[in-house]
Protein backbone atom coordinates (compact mmCIF):
# COMPACT_ATOMS: atom_id res chain seq x y z
CA MET A 1 124.53 -138.35 118.98
CA ILE A 2 121.94 -136.73 116.52
CA ASN A 3 119.27 -139.08 115.91
CA THR A 4 119.28 -139.44 112.17
CA THR A 5 115.34 -140.65 111.72
CA GLU A 6 114.59 -137.07 114.01
CA LEU A 7 116.96 -134.69 111.89
CA LYS A 8 114.99 -136.50 108.33
CA ALA A 9 111.53 -135.36 109.52
CA HIS A 10 113.04 -131.88 110.40
CA ASN A 11 114.28 -131.36 106.70
CA ARG A 12 111.26 -133.05 105.38
CA LYS A 13 109.09 -130.64 107.25
CA ASN A 14 111.63 -127.68 106.64
CA ARG A 15 111.00 -128.64 102.61
CA ILE A 16 107.20 -129.08 102.56
CA ARG A 17 107.18 -125.21 104.69
CA GLU A 18 109.54 -124.35 101.82
CA SER A 19 107.48 -125.41 99.28
CA ASN A 20 104.50 -123.89 100.60
CA SER A 21 105.69 -120.84 100.95
CA TYR A 22 106.67 -120.64 97.69
CA LYS A 23 103.79 -121.86 96.13
CA ILE A 24 102.07 -118.80 97.93
CA PHE A 25 104.59 -116.57 96.55
CA THR A 26 103.96 -117.81 93.45
CA VAL A 27 100.59 -117.37 93.61
CA VAL A 28 100.29 -113.64 94.49
CA ASN A 29 102.88 -112.69 92.00
CA ALA A 30 101.43 -114.42 89.77
CA LEU A 31 98.52 -111.97 90.66
CA ILE A 32 99.89 -109.01 90.77
CA MET A 33 101.78 -109.17 86.69
CA ILE A 34 97.68 -110.20 85.72
CA PHE A 35 97.05 -107.23 87.47
CA VAL A 36 99.39 -105.27 85.89
CA SER A 37 99.15 -106.34 82.13
CA VAL A 38 95.35 -105.55 82.36
CA VAL A 39 96.23 -102.41 83.91
CA THR A 40 99.23 -101.77 80.76
CA LEU A 41 96.27 -102.80 78.58
CA TYR A 42 93.14 -101.70 79.03
CA PRO A 43 94.21 -98.09 77.44
CA PHE A 44 95.09 -99.56 74.27
CA LEU A 45 92.35 -101.74 73.71
CA TYR A 46 90.06 -99.93 74.60
CA LEU A 47 91.63 -97.02 71.99
CA ILE A 48 91.41 -99.49 69.24
CA SER A 49 87.90 -100.52 70.15
CA GLN A 50 87.09 -96.33 69.79
CA SER A 51 88.89 -96.69 66.04
CA PHE A 52 86.69 -98.51 65.34
CA THR A 53 83.10 -97.40 67.21
CA SER A 54 80.87 -95.81 65.60
CA ASP A 55 79.97 -92.08 66.03
CA LYS A 56 76.54 -92.53 67.64
CA ALA A 57 77.91 -94.55 69.99
CA ILE A 58 80.39 -92.17 70.82
CA ILE A 59 78.57 -89.19 71.48
CA ALA A 60 76.05 -91.18 73.05
CA GLY A 61 78.93 -92.54 75.60
CA HIS A 62 78.60 -96.00 74.74
CA THR A 63 82.34 -96.50 74.44
CA SER A 64 84.15 -99.17 76.10
CA ILE A 65 87.19 -102.31 74.74
CA ILE A 66 84.06 -103.82 72.75
CA PRO A 67 83.04 -101.77 69.45
CA GLU A 68 79.85 -100.70 69.19
CA GLY A 69 78.28 -99.78 66.06
CA PHE A 70 81.28 -101.21 63.68
CA ASN A 71 82.65 -98.35 61.84
CA ILE A 72 85.82 -98.14 59.86
CA ASP A 73 85.07 -94.88 57.82
CA THR A 74 88.16 -93.75 60.13
CA TYR A 75 90.36 -96.33 58.62
CA LYS A 76 88.72 -95.72 54.87
CA TYR A 77 89.68 -92.14 55.14
CA ILE A 78 92.95 -92.48 56.37
CA LEU A 79 94.30 -95.01 53.86
CA SER A 80 92.07 -93.82 50.70
CA LYS A 81 94.91 -90.81 50.66
CA GLY A 82 97.43 -91.34 47.84
CA GLU A 83 99.99 -89.37 49.73
CA PHE A 84 99.13 -91.92 53.64
CA LEU A 85 101.10 -94.84 51.90
CA MET A 86 104.14 -91.79 50.85
CA TYR A 87 104.18 -90.91 54.53
CA TYR A 88 104.62 -94.53 55.90
CA LYS A 89 107.44 -95.19 53.23
CA ASN A 90 108.94 -92.12 54.36
CA THR A 91 108.69 -93.40 58.11
CA ILE A 92 110.01 -96.45 57.14
CA VAL A 93 113.38 -95.09 55.14
CA TYR A 94 113.59 -92.79 58.11
CA THR A 95 113.44 -95.70 60.75
CA VAL A 96 116.34 -97.96 59.19
CA VAL A 97 118.63 -94.93 58.19
CA GLY A 98 118.43 -93.83 61.63
CA THR A 99 118.39 -96.60 63.39
CA VAL A 100 121.25 -98.33 61.53
CA ALA A 101 123.01 -94.85 61.95
CA SER A 102 122.40 -94.54 65.49
CA LEU A 103 123.50 -97.93 66.65
CA LEU A 104 127.07 -97.53 64.54
CA PHE A 105 127.96 -94.38 65.71
CA SER A 106 126.84 -94.74 69.27
CA ALA A 107 128.43 -98.19 69.75
CA MET A 108 131.88 -96.43 68.01
CA LEU A 109 131.61 -94.39 70.73
CA ALA A 110 130.63 -96.13 73.62
CA TYR A 111 132.93 -98.94 73.23
CA PRO A 112 136.41 -95.88 73.31
CA MET A 113 134.72 -95.00 76.45
CA SER A 114 134.55 -98.03 78.26
CA LYS A 115 138.62 -98.12 78.04
CA ASN A 116 140.26 -96.61 81.08
CA GLU A 117 143.34 -96.82 79.33
CA LEU A 118 141.95 -94.60 76.53
CA LYS A 119 143.83 -90.97 76.96
CA PHE A 120 141.79 -88.32 77.91
CA ASN A 121 138.39 -90.82 78.94
CA LYS A 122 138.24 -88.92 82.18
CA VAL A 123 138.05 -85.65 80.32
CA LEU A 124 135.57 -86.88 77.35
CA THR A 125 133.07 -88.95 79.43
CA PRO A 126 132.31 -85.79 81.53
CA PHE A 127 132.01 -83.57 78.27
CA ILE A 128 129.84 -86.05 76.41
CA VAL A 129 127.62 -87.03 80.03
CA PHE A 130 127.59 -82.70 80.37
CA THR A 131 124.85 -82.73 77.06
CA MET A 132 122.72 -84.90 79.07
CA TYR A 133 121.51 -81.27 80.60
CA PHE A 134 122.88 -78.54 78.89
CA GLY A 135 122.55 -78.37 74.96
CA GLY A 136 122.20 -75.32 72.48
CA GLY A 137 118.16 -74.70 72.65
CA LEU A 138 115.85 -75.24 70.26
CA ILE A 139 116.78 -71.70 67.80
CA ALA A 140 120.75 -73.37 68.16
CA ASN A 141 120.07 -76.33 66.49
CA TYR A 142 117.42 -74.54 63.76
CA ILE A 143 120.25 -72.19 63.08
CA LEU A 144 122.66 -75.37 62.81
CA VAL A 145 120.77 -77.18 60.42
CA ASP A 146 120.29 -75.02 58.27
CA ARG A 147 123.62 -73.08 57.42
CA ILE A 148 125.22 -76.79 56.93
CA GLY A 149 122.09 -76.91 54.25
CA ILE A 150 120.55 -80.21 55.41
CA LYS A 151 117.42 -78.61 56.02
CA ASN A 152 114.31 -80.53 54.40
CA THR A 153 116.76 -83.54 53.74
CA MET A 154 116.95 -86.33 55.54
CA GLY A 155 119.63 -85.66 57.20
CA GLY A 156 118.03 -82.77 58.64
CA PHE A 157 115.52 -85.05 60.28
CA ILE A 158 118.05 -87.83 61.32
CA LEU A 159 121.14 -86.00 62.61
CA PRO A 160 119.67 -84.16 65.10
CA MET A 161 118.79 -86.41 67.08
CA MET A 162 120.96 -89.72 65.57
CA ILE A 163 123.25 -89.92 69.12
CA SER A 164 121.26 -90.58 72.65
CA THR A 165 123.76 -89.68 75.44
CA TYR A 166 121.79 -92.25 77.50
CA TYR A 167 121.48 -94.52 75.29
CA VAL A 168 125.70 -94.18 74.66
CA LEU A 169 126.60 -94.64 78.22
CA LEU A 170 124.17 -97.59 78.60
CA MET A 171 125.98 -99.50 75.48
CA LYS A 172 129.32 -98.16 77.87
CA SER A 173 128.62 -100.02 80.75
CA PHE A 174 127.66 -102.97 78.73
CA PHE A 175 130.85 -103.05 76.97
CA GLN A 176 132.60 -102.63 80.32
CA SER A 177 131.37 -105.65 81.39
CA ILE A 178 133.19 -107.90 78.27
CA PRO A 179 135.88 -109.93 79.46
CA LYS A 180 139.33 -108.18 78.77
CA ASP A 181 140.77 -111.80 77.84
CA LEU A 182 138.64 -111.87 74.79
CA GLU A 183 139.80 -108.86 73.72
CA GLU A 184 143.29 -109.53 74.41
CA ALA A 185 142.66 -112.62 72.52
CA GLY A 186 141.97 -111.16 70.11
CA GLU A 187 144.54 -108.90 69.82
CA ILE A 188 146.92 -112.13 69.82
CA ASP A 189 145.74 -113.40 67.24
CA GLY A 190 146.43 -109.99 64.90
CA LEU A 191 142.93 -108.33 65.20
CA SER A 192 143.33 -104.80 65.48
CA LYS A 193 141.32 -102.75 68.06
CA PHE A 194 138.74 -102.22 65.15
CA GLY A 195 138.51 -105.50 64.35
CA VAL A 196 138.35 -106.69 68.27
CA PHE A 197 135.25 -104.13 68.69
CA TRP A 198 134.08 -105.53 65.02
CA ARG A 199 134.66 -109.12 65.67
CA ILE A 200 134.48 -110.08 69.62
CA ALA A 201 132.99 -106.95 71.40
CA LEU A 202 129.54 -106.16 68.82
CA PRO A 203 128.80 -110.15 68.05
CA LEU A 204 128.46 -110.30 72.36
CA SER A 205 126.40 -107.40 72.31
CA LYS A 206 123.41 -108.87 70.83
CA PRO A 207 121.23 -108.37 73.58
CA ILE A 208 121.94 -104.42 74.44
CA ILE A 209 122.34 -103.95 70.84
CA ALA A 210 118.55 -105.46 70.24
CA THR A 211 117.65 -103.21 73.18
CA MET A 212 118.96 -99.98 71.39
CA THR A 213 117.40 -101.15 68.20
CA LEU A 214 114.22 -100.85 70.04
CA PHE A 215 114.61 -97.32 71.34
CA TYR A 216 115.89 -95.98 68.30
CA SER A 217 113.30 -97.35 65.77
CA VAL A 218 110.42 -96.01 68.70
CA MET A 219 112.73 -92.90 68.74
CA TYR A 220 112.44 -92.38 65.05
CA TRP A 221 109.48 -93.16 64.07
CA ASN A 222 106.92 -91.77 66.24
CA ASN A 223 109.18 -88.55 65.85
CA TRP A 224 107.22 -85.83 64.03
CA PHE A 225 108.68 -82.31 65.82
CA ASN A 226 111.90 -82.33 63.69
CA ALA A 227 109.43 -83.02 60.66
CA PHE A 228 107.95 -80.05 61.76
CA LEU A 229 110.74 -77.26 62.46
CA TYR A 230 112.69 -78.87 59.27
CA LEU A 231 111.00 -80.39 56.46
CA GLN A 232 109.17 -77.76 54.66
CA ASP A 233 108.29 -80.03 51.56
CA LYS A 234 105.22 -82.06 52.19
CA SER A 235 106.89 -85.32 50.20
CA LYS A 236 109.15 -85.88 53.07
CA TRP A 237 106.70 -85.64 56.14
CA PRO A 238 107.21 -89.32 58.48
CA VAL A 239 103.52 -90.39 58.80
CA ALA A 240 103.78 -89.04 62.89
CA TYR A 241 103.64 -85.73 61.46
CA TYR A 242 100.91 -86.43 58.94
CA LEU A 243 99.06 -87.77 61.36
CA GLN A 244 99.77 -84.65 63.92
CA THR A 245 98.60 -83.00 61.15
CA ILE A 246 95.00 -84.65 61.17
CA ILE A 247 94.98 -84.38 64.68
CA ARG A 248 95.22 -80.68 64.95
CA GLY A 249 92.52 -80.51 62.66
CA GLN A 250 94.33 -79.70 59.66
CA GLY A 251 91.30 -80.92 57.15
CA ALA A 252 88.61 -79.44 59.35
CA ASN A 253 86.31 -78.09 56.76
CA ASP A 254 86.55 -81.43 54.45
CA PRO A 255 83.28 -83.49 54.71
CA ASP A 256 84.51 -86.50 54.87
CA ALA A 257 87.05 -85.47 58.28
CA VAL A 258 84.34 -84.25 59.78
CA SER A 259 82.56 -87.14 60.05
CA VAL A 260 84.73 -89.17 60.92
CA SER A 261 86.50 -86.42 63.47
CA LEU A 262 85.00 -87.96 66.63
CA ASN A 263 87.61 -91.18 66.64
CA ILE A 264 90.34 -89.94 64.12
CA LYS A 265 92.96 -89.37 67.27
CA SER A 266 92.44 -93.22 68.06
CA CYS A 267 92.26 -94.49 64.51
CA ALA A 268 95.44 -92.47 63.70
CA MET A 269 96.80 -93.59 67.12
CA VAL A 270 96.71 -97.29 66.36
CA LEU A 271 98.22 -96.56 62.94
CA THR A 272 100.68 -95.19 64.19
CA VAL A 273 101.70 -97.63 67.22
CA LEU A 274 100.84 -101.28 65.31
CA PRO A 275 103.94 -101.83 63.16
CA ILE A 276 106.63 -101.01 66.47
CA VAL A 277 103.98 -103.87 68.75
CA MET A 278 105.02 -106.40 65.78
CA VAL A 279 108.38 -105.33 65.50
CA TYR A 280 108.22 -105.97 69.04
CA PRO A 281 108.22 -109.00 70.10
CA PHE A 282 111.63 -110.29 67.66
CA VAL A 283 113.59 -108.29 70.33
CA GLN A 284 112.01 -109.19 73.32
CA LYS A 285 113.76 -111.93 74.13
CA TYR A 286 116.32 -110.03 74.53
CA TYR A 287 115.84 -108.59 77.83
CA VAL A 288 115.27 -111.91 79.67
CA GLN A 289 118.58 -112.98 78.46
CA GLY A 290 122.00 -112.72 80.16
CA MET A 291 124.34 -109.53 80.21
CA MET A 292 126.11 -111.72 77.99
CA LEU A 293 127.03 -113.87 74.60
CA GLY A 294 129.80 -115.92 75.95
CA GLY A 295 132.38 -115.68 78.23
CA VAL A 296 136.06 -117.09 79.09
CA LYS A 297 135.41 -120.44 80.92
CA GLU A 298 138.04 -122.02 83.78
């Protein structure tokens, strides 16, 4: 016969032991996360500090996460350029238009791929995956862009990178997790295949859409190579390419450029990354949400 008192005492000891183990785990986990955060954040803080540090302090090697000889000459130099705001405007337009187009076409490609009943799906998926590893190459892409007449246009900047195969596969995996009962219920209510996609699949896909929005936005915002290849008109440059020309030393004969050359790279990188950093908190919450927004309750 089991002694109830002894059983209660045993359970109490186990709870105390588990509680202490959990506390230790929590403390260790917190310390590790703090260390990782500091290691990740330090280079960015150092970059910001260097962009505000005076030239003399940089020459003397007195650079840390706290600016020495506070200096905003670099920011004044870049922001005083009349074309800088134009380049920023171009980048915003390219990023918004490109991200919307990429999300739309990626989702419209990924959703049919997630359906096993789709004809030739077993051929379509490997064909698309093939493009991840093999492509026509830089020369072929350049000739294609030139021949179809989108060189030196917004399309020339956006189209060559509009669809990422990897992101399409991520969206495909997410669409496969949507319960078929929901889609069948939509079809019973009279929705077409496109209606099911637009009114059921997409609303349930906010986490993956938010994630893809961030990925595509960063890709378009930071891209300068397509501008280098396809945009000869200087008025159509994105800000990333403009700052790239500064980093490469164009304008080094300009006395103003020479006077701020020591920290201009830091300033350029801060100005480039700042908008993305400001946007990230608005989509970060979707990373910790469940993979589904809703489902079929039994």
